[in-house]
Protein backbone atom coordinates (compact mmCIF):
# COMPACT_ATOMS: atom_id res chain seq x y z
CA MET A 1 -90.42 131.35 7.18
CA GLN A 2 -88.46 128.83 9.22
CA TYR A 3 -88.59 125.08 8.69
CA ALA A 4 -87.06 122.08 10.41
CA LEU A 5 -85.64 119.47 8.05
CA LEU A 6 -85.82 116.29 10.13
CA ILE A 7 -83.60 113.51 8.82
CA TYR A 8 -84.85 109.93 9.28
CA SER A 9 -83.51 106.60 8.12
CA ALA A 10 -83.58 102.97 9.14
CA ALA A 11 -80.72 102.10 11.47
CA ASP A 12 -79.30 99.77 8.83
CA ALA A 13 -79.69 102.21 5.91
CA GLY A 14 -76.86 104.23 4.46
CA PRO A 15 -73.18 103.65 5.04
CA GLN A 16 -72.61 100.89 7.60
CA THR A 17 -68.86 100.75 8.13
CA GLU A 18 -66.85 103.50 9.76
CA GLU A 19 -64.87 103.86 6.51
CA ALA A 20 -68.08 104.26 4.47
CA GLN A 21 -69.44 106.77 6.99
CA MET A 22 -66.24 108.81 6.84
CA ALA A 23 -66.32 108.68 3.04
CA GLU A 24 -69.83 110.19 3.09
CA MET A 25 -68.89 113.08 5.41
CA PRO A 26 -67.63 115.38 2.61
CA LYS A 27 -71.15 115.28 1.10
CA TRP A 28 -72.58 116.48 4.42
CA PHE A 29 -69.94 119.20 4.80
CA ALA A 30 -70.58 120.41 1.24
CA TYR A 31 -74.35 120.45 1.78
CA THR A 32 -74.02 122.39 5.04
CA GLU A 33 -71.60 124.85 3.41
CA GLU A 34 -73.96 125.41 0.47
CA LEU A 35 -76.85 125.97 2.88
CA ALA A 36 -74.75 128.42 4.94
CA GLN A 37 -73.57 130.31 1.85
CA SER A 38 -77.20 130.73 0.74
CA GLY A 39 -78.04 132.44 4.03
CA ALA A 40 -80.81 129.91 4.77
CA HIS A 41 -78.92 127.91 7.43
CA LYS A 42 -80.00 128.77 10.98
CA GLY A 43 -78.75 125.70 12.82
CA GLY A 44 -78.79 121.96 13.04
CA GLU A 45 -77.06 118.99 14.57
CA ALA A 46 -76.47 115.29 14.11
CA LEU A 47 -77.91 113.15 16.88
CA GLN A 48 -76.39 110.13 18.59
CA MET A 49 -78.09 106.75 18.23
CA PRO A 50 -81.45 106.23 19.98
CA ASP A 51 -79.98 103.82 22.53
CA THR A 52 -78.18 106.83 24.07
CA ALA A 53 -81.48 108.66 24.67
CA THR A 54 -83.46 109.05 27.87
CA THR A 55 -87.20 109.64 27.69
CA VAL A 56 -88.74 111.77 30.43
CA ARG A 57 -92.41 111.74 31.38
CA VAL A 58 -94.22 113.35 34.31
CA ARG A 59 -97.17 111.34 35.59
CA ASP A 60 -99.19 112.40 38.64
CA GLY A 61 -96.49 114.95 39.44
CA GLN A 62 -93.72 112.34 39.43
CA ARG A 63 -90.85 112.19 36.96
CA VAL A 64 -90.42 108.85 35.22
CA THR A 65 -87.35 108.23 33.04
CA THR A 66 -86.81 105.42 30.58
CA ASP A 67 -83.65 104.52 28.74
CA GLY A 68 -83.94 104.88 24.99
CA PRO A 69 -86.57 106.50 22.82
CA PHE A 70 -90.23 106.55 23.76
CA ALA A 71 -91.54 105.09 20.50
CA GLU A 72 -90.42 101.99 18.67
CA THR A 73 -90.02 102.93 15.03
CA LYS A 74 -88.38 101.52 11.93
CA GLU A 75 -86.79 104.86 11.11
CA ILE A 76 -84.75 106.86 13.59
CA LEU A 77 -84.26 110.61 13.80
CA GLY A 78 -80.60 111.10 12.95
CA GLY A 79 -80.39 114.88 12.94
CA PHE A 80 -81.93 118.09 11.71
CA TYR A 81 -81.34 121.38 9.97
CA LEU A 82 -83.14 124.60 10.83
CA ILE A 83 -83.55 126.80 7.79
CA ASP A 84 -85.14 130.14 6.94
CA VAL A 85 -86.49 130.27 3.39
CA PRO A 86 -89.33 132.08 1.61
CA ASP A 87 -91.76 129.15 1.35
CA ILE A 88 -92.40 125.40 1.53
CA ASP A 89 -91.19 124.87 -2.04
CA ALA A 90 -87.78 126.30 -1.14
CA ALA A 91 -87.67 124.14 1.99
CA ILE A 92 -88.48 121.03 -0.05
CA ALA A 93 -85.77 121.92 -2.56
CA TRP A 94 -83.22 122.04 0.28
CA ALA A 95 -84.59 118.80 1.79
CA GLU A 96 -84.08 116.82 -1.40
CA LYS A 97 -80.39 117.79 -1.45
CA ILE A 98 -79.68 116.26 1.98
CA PRO A 99 -77.23 113.37 1.51
CA ALA A 100 -79.48 110.93 3.41
CA ALA A 101 -82.49 111.54 1.13
CA PRO A 102 -81.61 108.65 -1.24
CA TYR A 103 -81.80 106.07 1.58
CA GLY A 104 -83.92 107.82 4.22
CA SER A 105 -86.67 110.39 4.44
CA ILE A 106 -86.66 114.07 5.21
CA GLU A 107 -89.62 115.53 7.07
CA VAL A 108 -90.12 119.22 6.29
CA ARG A 109 -91.97 120.86 9.14
CA PRO A 110 -92.77 124.57 9.55
CA ILE A 111 -91.65 126.16 12.79
CA MET A 112 -94.55 127.50 14.83
CA GLU A 113 -94.38 131.23 15.24
CA ILE A 114 -95.39 132.19 18.76
CA PRO A 115 -96.14 135.87 19.31
CA ASP A 116 -94.40 137.69 22.12
CA ALA A 117 -96.41 137.80 25.34
């Protein structure tokens, strides 16, 4: 079964300086490598900060765009991993190993399986 591991944290949580962020990168590389070596890794990416986002809505047939995220939240979505594991317990075990877990939160969400048409 596939799961998305959605990585959230407050904008001011975790390493704040560029040096501290670079010092944390080996943890992320090691986690991703371990996930890949297990065969569970299917994809994932880090996301830029929310102020780089554009939100798109269609209202009455008209496109409306807004700079930034749609919702104001205390935690921001910083990235995600897509994994394929046997069950929710295995997905949770991978989620707790994510380097941001000690200062953020990891949402584990099953991927909806849509049958072929």
